[in-house]
Protein backbone atom coordinates (compact mmCIF):
# COMPACT_ATOMS: atom_id res chain seq x y z
CA MET A 1 -63.13 14.44 10.62
CA SER A 2 -64.72 15.84 7.46
CA ALA A 3 -68.13 14.72 6.19
CA LEU A 4 -66.35 12.89 3.35
CA GLU A 5 -64.20 10.96 5.83
CA GLU A 6 -67.20 10.22 8.07
CA LEU A 7 -69.24 8.94 5.13
CA ARG A 8 -66.43 6.78 3.80
CA SER A 9 -65.69 5.32 7.24
CA GLY A 10 -69.34 4.52 7.87
CA ALA A 11 -69.53 6.83 10.88
CA LEU A 12 -72.16 8.91 9.08
CA SER A 13 -74.93 7.87 6.72
CA ALA A 14 -76.06 9.92 3.74
CA LYS A 15 -79.48 10.32 5.32
CA GLU A 16 -77.93 11.59 8.56
CA ASN A 17 -75.75 14.00 6.62
CA VAL A 18 -78.72 15.45 4.75
CA ALA A 19 -80.80 15.65 7.94
CA ARG A 20 -78.19 17.66 9.83
CA TYR A 21 -77.87 20.16 6.99
CA LEU A 22 -81.64 20.53 6.67
CA GLU A 23 -81.77 21.17 10.40
CA ALA A 24 -79.07 23.84 10.14
CA ILE A 25 -80.84 25.49 7.21
CA GLU A 26 -84.15 25.56 9.04
CA ALA A 27 -82.52 27.07 12.11
CA ARG A 28 -80.36 29.76 10.48
CA ASP A 29 -81.14 30.38 6.82
CA GLY A 30 -83.94 32.77 7.69
CA GLU A 31 -81.16 35.21 8.50
CA VAL A 32 -78.59 34.20 5.87
CA ASN A 33 -81.02 33.74 2.93
CA ALA A 34 -78.68 31.39 1.07
CA PHE A 35 -81.45 29.26 -0.44
CA ILE A 36 -84.36 30.06 -2.72
CA GLU A 37 -85.75 26.53 -2.70
CA LEU A 38 -84.94 23.23 -0.97
CA ASN A 39 -85.17 19.82 -2.57
CA PRO A 40 -88.22 18.09 -1.01
CA HIS A 41 -86.83 14.71 -2.08
CA ALA A 42 -83.34 15.14 -0.58
CA GLU A 43 -83.84 12.67 2.27
CA GLN A 44 -85.40 10.11 -0.05
CA GLU A 45 -82.45 10.46 -2.44
CA ALA A 46 -80.07 10.08 0.51
CA ARG A 47 -81.72 6.79 1.49
CA ARG A 48 -81.08 5.47 -2.01
CA VAL A 49 -77.43 6.50 -1.69
CA ASP A 50 -77.18 4.60 1.60
CA GLU A 51 -78.47 1.52 -0.18
CA ARG A 52 -75.77 1.88 -2.82
CA ILE A 53 -73.15 2.30 -0.08
CA GLU A 54 -74.32 -0.95 1.52
CA GLU A 55 -74.12 -2.68 -1.86
CA GLY A 56 -70.58 -1.39 -2.41
CA LYS A 57 -71.63 0.57 -5.49
CA ALA A 58 -71.34 4.13 -4.16
CA GLY A 59 -69.77 6.87 -6.25
CA LYS A 60 -67.11 9.44 -5.39
CA LEU A 61 -69.57 11.89 -3.80
CA ALA A 62 -71.58 9.25 -1.93
CA GLY A 63 -73.76 11.07 0.59
CA LEU A 64 -72.15 14.49 0.18
CA VAL A 65 -74.66 17.36 0.12
CA VAL A 66 -74.49 19.76 -2.83
CA ALA A 67 -76.12 23.20 -3.12
CA VAL A 68 -76.77 24.49 -6.64
CA LYS A 69 -76.87 28.06 -7.95
CA SER A 70 -80.33 28.92 -9.24
CA ASN A 71 -79.18 29.41 -12.83
CA ILE A 72 -78.30 25.72 -13.26
CA ASN A 73 -81.13 23.38 -14.20
CA VAL A 74 -82.07 20.66 -11.71
CA ARG A 75 -85.03 18.57 -12.80
CA GLY A 76 -88.12 19.24 -10.68
CA LEU A 77 -86.69 22.33 -8.95
CA ARG A 78 -87.04 25.97 -9.96
CA ALA A 79 -84.24 27.60 -11.93
CA THR A 80 -85.30 31.17 -11.15
CA CYS A 81 -82.03 33.04 -11.79
CA ALA A 82 -83.24 34.92 -8.67
CA SER A 83 -85.62 36.87 -10.91
CA LYS A 84 -89.35 37.44 -11.03
CA THR A 85 -89.02 36.68 -14.74
CA LEU A 86 -88.49 32.97 -13.99
CA GLU A 87 -89.88 32.75 -10.46
CA ASN A 88 -92.17 29.84 -11.42
CA TYR A 89 -89.97 28.09 -13.99
CA VAL A 90 -89.52 24.43 -13.00
CA SER A 91 -86.59 22.72 -14.73
CA PRO A 92 -87.70 19.81 -16.94
CA TYR A 93 -84.18 18.31 -17.10
CA ASP A 94 -80.84 18.06 -15.32
CA ALA A 95 -77.85 20.08 -16.47
CA THR A 96 -74.91 17.88 -17.50
CA VAL A 97 -73.05 18.74 -14.29
CA ILE A 98 -76.08 17.67 -12.21
CA GLU A 99 -76.26 14.36 -14.07
CA ARG A 100 -72.61 13.77 -13.22
CA ILE A 101 -73.08 14.68 -9.56
CA ARG A 102 -76.03 12.31 -9.26
CA ARG A 103 -74.10 9.57 -11.07
CA GLU A 104 -71.49 9.83 -8.32
CA ASP A 105 -74.20 9.80 -5.60
CA GLY A 106 -74.07 13.43 -4.50
CA VAL A 107 -77.35 14.66 -3.01
CA ILE A 108 -78.78 17.97 -4.24
CA ILE A 109 -80.14 19.85 -1.23
CA GLY A 110 -81.53 22.92 -2.97
CA MET A 111 -81.18 25.96 -5.18
CA THR A 112 -79.17 28.90 -3.88
CA ASN A 113 -79.74 32.63 -4.05
CA MET A 114 -77.77 34.83 -6.44
CA ASP A 115 -77.66 38.22 -8.06
CA GLU A 116 -80.54 38.42 -10.54
CA PHE A 117 -79.51 36.70 -13.79
CA ALA A 118 -75.95 36.78 -12.40
CA CYS A 119 -75.90 40.56 -12.87
CA GLY A 120 -74.07 41.76 -9.79
CA SER A 121 -71.04 41.40 -7.57
CA SER A 122 -72.65 41.71 -4.16
CA GLY A 123 -75.56 39.27 -3.76
CA GLU A 124 -77.95 42.18 -3.27
CA THR A 125 -79.86 42.25 -6.57
CA SER A 126 -81.92 39.07 -6.06
CA TYR A 127 -85.71 39.27 -6.40
CA PHE A 128 -85.77 37.01 -3.33
CA GLY A 129 -83.80 39.43 -1.17
CA PRO A 130 -80.09 39.89 -0.41
CA THR A 131 -77.84 37.21 1.06
CA GLN A 132 -75.97 37.75 4.33
CA ASN A 133 -72.25 37.02 4.61
CA PRO A 134 -71.95 34.36 7.37
CA SER A 135 -68.22 35.11 7.76
CA ALA A 136 -68.59 38.90 8.05
CA ARG A 137 -72.02 39.68 9.40
CA GLY A 138 -73.64 42.81 8.05
CA ARG A 139 -71.53 42.76 4.90
CA ILE A 140 -72.19 41.48 1.40
CA PRO A 141 -71.16 37.89 0.60
CA GLY A 142 -70.12 38.87 -2.92
CA GLY A 143 -71.72 37.72 -6.13
CA SER A 144 -73.14 36.61 -8.25
CA SER A 145 -72.83 33.12 -6.67
CA SER A 146 -73.71 34.63 -3.31
CA GLY A 147 -75.97 31.88 -1.98
CA SER A 148 -73.59 29.08 -2.93
CA ALA A 149 -70.64 30.68 -1.13
CA ALA A 150 -72.79 31.63 1.86
CA ALA A 151 -74.20 28.07 2.07
CA ILE A 152 -70.67 26.70 2.42
CA ALA A 153 -69.57 29.38 4.89
CA ALA A 154 -72.70 28.90 7.02
CA GLY A 155 -72.33 25.12 7.14
CA PHE A 156 -75.44 24.37 5.06
CA ALA A 157 -73.79 22.01 2.53
CA ASP A 158 -70.59 20.09 1.88
CA LEU A 159 -70.22 21.39 -1.67
CA ALA A 160 -71.80 23.95 -3.96
CA LEU A 161 -71.95 24.83 -7.62
CA GLY A 162 -71.60 28.37 -8.87
CA SER A 163 -71.07 29.99 -12.25
CA ASP A 164 -68.27 32.40 -13.05
CA THR A 165 -68.54 34.96 -15.86
CA GLY A 166 -66.11 37.53 -14.51
CA GLY A 167 -65.43 36.43 -10.96
CA SER A 168 -68.82 35.24 -9.74
CA ILE A 169 -67.34 32.19 -7.98
CA ARG A 170 -64.07 33.74 -6.85
CA ASN A 171 -65.48 37.05 -5.58
CA PRO A 172 -67.88 35.47 -3.02
CA ALA A 173 -65.33 32.75 -2.19
CA SER A 174 -62.95 35.52 -1.13
CA HIS A 175 -65.54 37.51 0.83
CA CYS A 176 -66.89 34.41 2.61
CA GLY A 177 -63.53 32.75 3.26
CA VAL A 178 -64.17 29.55 1.28
CA VAL A 179 -62.55 27.78 -1.67
CA GLY A 180 -63.76 28.57 -5.20
CA ILE A 181 -62.54 27.47 -8.63
CA LYS A 182 -63.22 28.83 -12.11
CA PRO A 183 -62.10 26.10 -14.52
CA THR A 184 -60.52 26.49 -17.92
CA TYR A 185 -63.17 27.56 -20.43
CA GLY A 186 -64.56 24.37 -21.96
CA LEU A 187 -63.37 21.99 -19.24
CA VAL A 188 -66.81 21.78 -17.60
CA PRO A 189 -69.97 21.38 -19.73
CA ARG A 190 -72.29 24.39 -19.78
CA HIS A 191 -75.38 22.49 -20.98
CA GLY A 192 -78.16 23.40 -18.56
CA LEU A 193 -76.60 26.69 -17.43
CA ILE A 194 -78.74 29.77 -18.05
CA ASP A 195 -76.34 32.17 -19.76
CA LEU A 196 -75.13 35.57 -18.70
CA ALA A 197 -72.43 35.70 -21.41
CA MET A 198 -71.83 32.43 -23.21
CA SER A 199 -68.27 33.15 -24.30
CA LEU A 200 -67.22 33.75 -20.69
CA ASP A 201 -69.42 31.58 -18.42
CA GLN A 202 -68.08 28.52 -16.63
CA ILE A 203 -69.60 26.32 -13.93
CA GLY A 204 -67.29 25.56 -11.02
CA PRO A 205 -67.14 24.28 -7.43
CA LEU A 206 -67.18 25.98 -4.05
CA ALA A 207 -66.24 24.12 -0.89
CA GLY A 208 -64.93 24.53 2.62
CA ASP A 209 -61.57 22.92 1.79
CA VAL A 210 -59.40 22.30 -1.25
CA ARG A 211 -59.73 18.50 -1.35
CA SER A 212 -63.53 18.72 -1.49
CA ALA A 213 -63.39 21.35 -4.25
CA ALA A 214 -60.94 19.20 -6.20
CA LEU A 215 -63.22 16.18 -5.86
CA LEU A 216 -66.26 18.05 -7.17
CA LEU A 217 -64.24 19.49 -10.04
CA GLU A 218 -63.08 16.06 -11.20
CA VAL A 219 -66.69 14.84 -11.12
CA ILE A 220 -68.16 17.65 -13.24
CA ALA A 221 -65.23 18.14 -15.67
CA GLY A 222 -64.75 16.43 -19.00
CA HIS A 223 -66.00 16.42 -22.57
CA SER A 224 -69.70 16.28 -23.40
CA ASP A 225 -71.11 15.40 -26.83
CA ARG A 226 -74.03 17.76 -26.17
CA GLU A 227 -72.07 20.93 -26.81
CA ALA A 228 -69.26 22.18 -29.00
CA THR A 229 -67.61 24.32 -26.32
CA THR A 230 -66.36 21.43 -24.17
CA LEU A 231 -62.77 20.39 -24.67
CA ARG A 232 -61.95 16.82 -25.70
CA VAL A 233 -60.03 16.01 -22.54
CA SER A 234 -60.40 13.45 -19.80
CA PRO A 235 -60.13 15.22 -16.44
CA PRO A 236 -57.30 14.15 -14.12
CA GLU A 237 -57.97 12.77 -10.66
CA TYR A 238 -57.40 16.16 -9.05
CA SER A 239 -58.14 15.12 -5.46
CA SER A 240 -55.79 12.13 -5.39
CA ALA A 241 -53.00 14.13 -7.06
CA LEU A 242 -52.97 16.91 -4.45
CA SER A 243 -49.52 17.77 -3.14
CA ALA A 244 -48.31 20.50 -0.80
CA ASP A 245 -44.75 20.20 -2.06
CA LEU A 246 -44.20 23.28 -4.21
CA SER A 247 -40.49 22.73 -4.81
CA GLY A 248 -39.44 24.42 -8.04
CA MET A 249 -42.76 26.19 -8.58
CA ARG A 250 -42.49 29.76 -9.81
CA ILE A 251 -45.28 32.14 -8.83
CA GLY A 252 -45.65 35.53 -10.48
CA PHE A 253 -46.97 38.62 -8.75
CA ALA A 254 -47.85 41.63 -10.91
CA ARG A 255 -47.02 45.01 -9.45
CA GLU A 256 -50.16 46.35 -11.15
CA PHE A 257 -52.18 44.47 -8.50
CA GLU A 258 -50.86 46.85 -5.86
CA GLU A 259 -51.89 49.93 -7.83
CA TYR A 260 -55.57 49.06 -7.63
CA THR A 261 -55.87 47.17 -4.33
CA ALA A 262 -56.23 48.33 -0.74
CA LYS A 263 -52.94 48.07 1.17
CA GLU A 264 -54.48 46.00 3.96
CA ILE A 265 -55.54 43.35 1.42
CA ILE A 266 -52.11 43.35 -0.26
CA ARG A 267 -50.53 42.79 3.15
CA GLU A 268 -52.54 39.58 3.68
CA VAL A 269 -51.84 38.40 0.14
CA LYS A 270 -48.09 38.86 0.54
CA HIS A 271 -48.20 37.05 3.87
CA ALA A 272 -49.89 34.13 2.12
CA LEU A 273 -47.23 34.19 -0.61
CA SER A 274 -44.52 33.97 2.03
CA LYS A 275 -46.18 30.77 3.27
CA LEU A 276 -46.04 29.34 -0.24
CA GLU A 277 -42.36 30.23 -0.41
CA ALA A 278 -41.86 28.22 2.77
CA GLN A 279 -43.37 25.26 0.90
CA GLY A 280 -40.73 25.49 -1.82
CA ALA A 281 -42.16 28.04 -4.27
CA SER A 282 -40.33 31.13 -5.50
CA VAL A 283 -42.18 34.41 -6.05
CA VAL A 284 -41.09 36.68 -8.92
CA GLU A 285 -42.42 39.93 -10.35
CA VAL A 286 -44.29 39.95 -13.66
CA GLU A 287 -46.10 42.65 -15.63
CA LEU A 288 -49.72 43.03 -16.74
CA PRO A 289 -49.59 46.49 -18.31
CA SER A 290 -53.12 46.35 -19.77
CA LEU A 291 -54.88 45.33 -16.55
CA ASP A 292 -56.80 48.61 -16.51
CA LYS A 293 -58.37 47.74 -19.88
CA ALA A 294 -59.78 44.41 -18.68
CA LEU A 295 -62.86 45.83 -16.98
CA PRO A 296 -64.25 47.87 -19.90
CA ALA A 297 -63.45 45.04 -22.34
CA TYR A 298 -65.29 42.61 -20.10
CA TYR A 299 -68.40 44.68 -19.47
CA LEU A 300 -68.84 45.73 -23.10
CA THR A 301 -68.73 42.05 -24.05
CA VAL A 302 -71.15 41.08 -21.27
CA PHE A 303 -73.66 43.79 -22.17
CA VAL A 304 -73.90 42.58 -25.77
CA GLU A 305 -74.03 38.86 -24.99
CA PHE A 306 -76.50 39.34 -22.13
CA PHE A 307 -78.80 41.42 -24.30
CA SER A 308 -78.76 38.63 -26.89
CA ALA A 309 -79.39 35.92 -24.28
CA THR A 310 -82.39 37.73 -22.77
CA ARG A 311 -84.31 37.98 -26.05
CA ARG A 312 -85.86 34.59 -25.24
CA TYR A 313 -87.62 36.08 -22.18
CA ASP A 314 -90.42 37.75 -24.11
CA GLY A 315 -93.27 36.48 -21.90
CA ARG A 316 -94.49 33.92 -24.42
CA ARG A 317 -92.47 30.84 -23.44
CA TYR A 318 -90.81 31.63 -20.10
CA GLY A 319 -92.64 33.47 -17.36
CA TYR A 320 -92.84 37.24 -17.70
CA ARG A 321 -91.35 39.64 -20.23
CA ILE A 322 -88.00 40.43 -18.65
CA GLU A 323 -88.00 44.20 -19.21
CA GLU A 324 -91.32 44.53 -17.41
CA VAL A 325 -90.33 42.79 -14.16
CA CYS A 326 -86.53 42.79 -13.85
CA GLY A 327 -84.43 44.76 -11.41
CA GLU A 328 -82.46 47.93 -12.08
CA GLU A 329 -79.10 46.30 -12.82
CA VAL A 330 -80.55 43.73 -15.22
CA LEU A 331 -82.44 46.45 -17.08
CA ARG A 332 -79.30 48.61 -17.24
CA ARG A 333 -77.35 45.79 -18.90
CA ILE A 334 -80.15 45.05 -21.36
CA MET A 335 -80.40 48.70 -22.39
CA LEU A 336 -76.64 49.11 -22.75
CA GLY A 337 -76.41 45.85 -24.69
CA ARG A 338 -79.16 46.99 -27.04
CA TYR A 339 -77.39 50.31 -27.59
CA ILE A 340 -73.97 48.77 -28.24
CA SER A 341 -75.45 46.14 -30.56
CA GLN A 342 -76.85 48.73 -32.94
CA LYS A 343 -75.03 48.63 -36.26
CA GLU A 344 -73.70 52.16 -36.08
CA TYR A 345 -72.14 51.58 -32.62
CA SER A 346 -70.94 47.95 -32.75
CA GLY A 347 -67.64 48.84 -34.41
CA ARG A 348 -67.00 51.65 -31.98
CA TYR A 349 -67.58 49.63 -28.81
CA TYR A 350 -68.03 45.88 -29.19
CA ARG A 351 -65.32 45.23 -31.75
CA ARG A 352 -62.96 47.43 -29.79
CA ALA A 353 -63.74 45.37 -26.69
CA LEU A 354 -62.87 42.18 -28.59
CA GLN A 355 -59.55 43.71 -29.60
CA PHE A 356 -58.71 44.50 -25.98
CA ARG A 357 -59.85 41.02 -24.98
CA SER A 358 -57.26 39.55 -27.35
CA LEU A 359 -54.61 41.90 -26.01
CA ILE A 360 -55.31 40.95 -22.38
CA LYS A 361 -55.27 37.25 -23.24
CA ARG A 362 -51.86 37.63 -24.91
CA GLU A 363 -50.45 39.50 -21.92
CA VAL A 364 -51.77 37.02 -19.37
CA LEU A 365 -50.50 34.01 -21.30
CA SER A 366 -47.18 35.75 -21.87
CA ALA A 367 -46.79 36.28 -18.13
CA LEU A 368 -47.74 32.66 -17.48
CA ALA A 369 -45.10 31.50 -19.96
CA GLU A 370 -42.48 32.65 -17.43
CA VAL A 371 -44.10 31.22 -14.29
CA ASP A 372 -46.30 28.34 -13.17
CA LEU A 373 -48.91 30.51 -11.50
CA LEU A 374 -49.97 34.13 -11.24
CA ALA A 375 -50.96 35.13 -7.71
CA GLY A 376 -52.64 38.19 -6.32
CA PRO A 377 -55.69 39.57 -4.55
CA THR A 378 -59.20 38.57 -5.60
CA THR A 379 -60.98 41.89 -5.10
CA PRO A 380 -59.42 45.34 -4.79
CA LYS A 381 -61.46 46.24 -1.71
CA LEU A 382 -63.23 44.69 1.25
CA PRO A 383 -66.94 43.82 0.96
CA HIS A 384 -69.17 46.78 1.68
CA ARG A 385 -72.00 46.75 4.21
CA LEU A 386 -75.36 45.38 3.13
CA GLY A 387 -77.58 48.19 1.88
CA GLU A 388 -74.72 50.64 1.39
CA SER A 389 -75.29 52.68 -1.76
CA LEU A 390 -72.68 52.24 -4.49
CA SER A 391 -72.67 53.61 -8.03
CA PRO A 392 -72.64 51.07 -10.89
CA LEU A 393 -69.00 51.89 -11.60
CA GLU A 394 -68.06 51.35 -7.96
CA MET A 395 -69.84 47.99 -8.02
CA TYR A 396 -68.20 46.95 -11.29
CA ALA A 397 -64.79 47.72 -9.76
CA TYR A 398 -65.08 44.59 -7.61
CA ASP A 399 -64.42 42.59 -10.79
CA LEU A 400 -61.21 44.32 -11.89
CA LEU A 401 -58.89 41.52 -10.75
CA THR A 402 -61.08 38.55 -11.65
CA VAL A 403 -62.18 39.32 -15.21
CA PRO A 404 -58.76 38.71 -16.87
CA ALA A 405 -59.10 34.95 -16.25
CA ASN A 406 -62.45 34.86 -18.05
CA LEU A 407 -61.24 37.01 -20.93
CA ALA A 408 -58.23 34.70 -21.36
CA GLY A 409 -60.19 31.47 -20.81
CA ILE A 410 -57.72 30.25 -18.18
CA PRO A 411 -58.37 28.57 -14.81
CA ALA A 412 -58.30 30.52 -11.56
CA GLY A 413 -58.96 29.64 -7.95
CA VAL A 414 -59.37 31.37 -4.61
CA VAL A 415 -58.42 30.21 -1.13
CA LYS A 416 -58.47 32.17 2.12
CA ALA A 417 -55.29 34.17 2.62
CA GLY A 418 -56.18 35.79 5.93
CA GLU A 419 -58.45 38.38 7.47
CA VAL A 420 -58.64 42.15 7.73
CA ARG A 421 -60.52 43.25 10.84
CA GLY A 422 -62.26 39.88 10.92
CA ILE A 423 -63.25 39.99 7.23
CA PRO A 424 -61.91 37.17 5.02
CA VAL A 425 -59.48 37.98 2.23
CA GLY A 426 -58.81 35.51 -0.59
CA LEU A 427 -55.62 34.75 -2.49
CA GLN A 428 -56.33 34.33 -6.23
CA LEU A 429 -54.21 32.00 -8.34
CA HIS A 430 -54.16 31.72 -12.18
CA ALA A 431 -52.61 29.03 -14.34
CA ARG A 432 -52.25 28.13 -18.00
CA PRO A 433 -55.21 26.37 -19.63
CA LEU A 434 -55.92 22.91 -18.18
CA GLU A 435 -53.36 23.34 -15.39
CA GLU A 436 -55.93 23.34 -12.59
CA GLN A 437 -53.79 20.89 -10.63
CA LYS A 438 -51.10 23.52 -10.06
CA ILE A 439 -53.70 25.90 -8.63
CA LEU A 440 -55.14 23.18 -6.42
CA ASN A 441 -51.71 22.17 -5.13
CA ALA A 442 -50.77 25.74 -4.22
CA MET A 443 -54.11 26.27 -2.47
CA TYR A 444 -53.68 22.93 -0.70
CA ALA A 445 -50.23 23.98 0.53
CA LEU A 446 -51.57 27.28 1.84
CA GLU A 447 -54.40 25.44 3.56
CA GLY A 448 -51.84 23.33 5.41
CA GLY A 449 -52.18 20.08 3.47
CA THR A 450 -49.50 17.41 3.59
């Protein structure tokens, strides 16, 4: 029985649920390093939820424990972005997604570790130390939402929030063997998220199963008057609409995925696709001829937008001056962003990147016009060992298969496809804008839902 089922049946109280997770964190997080800070009021907040349950007023998340990536503001807790720059910054307000979680009686247990300012794909660049992969010990958990994925995989929370700029939810979901969803751009409010690249960032859920991820998504999604980027849509009831019947669903697989991905990963992905075919789907071949251009288009965009976003960290309002205390990868992106932003170079690099971004979006949407979903691997290679030295280009290569969804603004999700030598491998699914339900249904079918 899941925690959600136990809470709804009355077999488990919110306070008991929080207490068992705090006990697990105390016992094992010294090794995993999933959390930067715990919520000292979590048990008190859980008692209030129990009172609401007794009164029959409990929300959808009543008593469920939620971990939050440390670049999302939670009032009274530190939003450090895993950087010395903001190591002492205490959030004075709740992000919109946190308000919605609390409205539905979810309990925030703490702030999770991450790559510094979301600059990384491994979970190793945090000022607070690297995060361990609970599902593949000695290997990276992926990033930048490393702590959130690790918290789910280690059994430290029911649900978690991450942010996804170019794969930062899906990459660690794949490496840790959990469920992760990057929503359509604009479906989930970004108010209260500390930007990496505002035209690409989206907040999304991580969970141990598809139903839980769907439930959290329906809670945090929907229009907000606070920001212009949210879409004027009312989110569907994703969790209650889940179906494992994929009859008539067409799933596209691009042969370009095989060109860039390790054969052992492709083998697990194709095995997962055969399971979806058994549930009624048909798998057809599609083309993404400009896939190789996605990575440079993405990183050139990120460098410029990140440089712009970090100009607020000048040491006068927020902590320390970022260039004086940040890590190597953050500084690299700032310097490259500054260079590309110069007038004489912007046309050569940034505008060219925007042209390729438009091209990739057209190709992805064109492929999706022929099918319901695009399916493929999440990362082209298995997670490397913690501490293993990789060049920046080798590290950026982790994002090759995830960045197209961000460039196109479409939803994408990851669910465990299988394992290679005991290391989880995730199946990635893309859909047309606002068609998250199709992704969730396919993941649910692969998970064995009925």
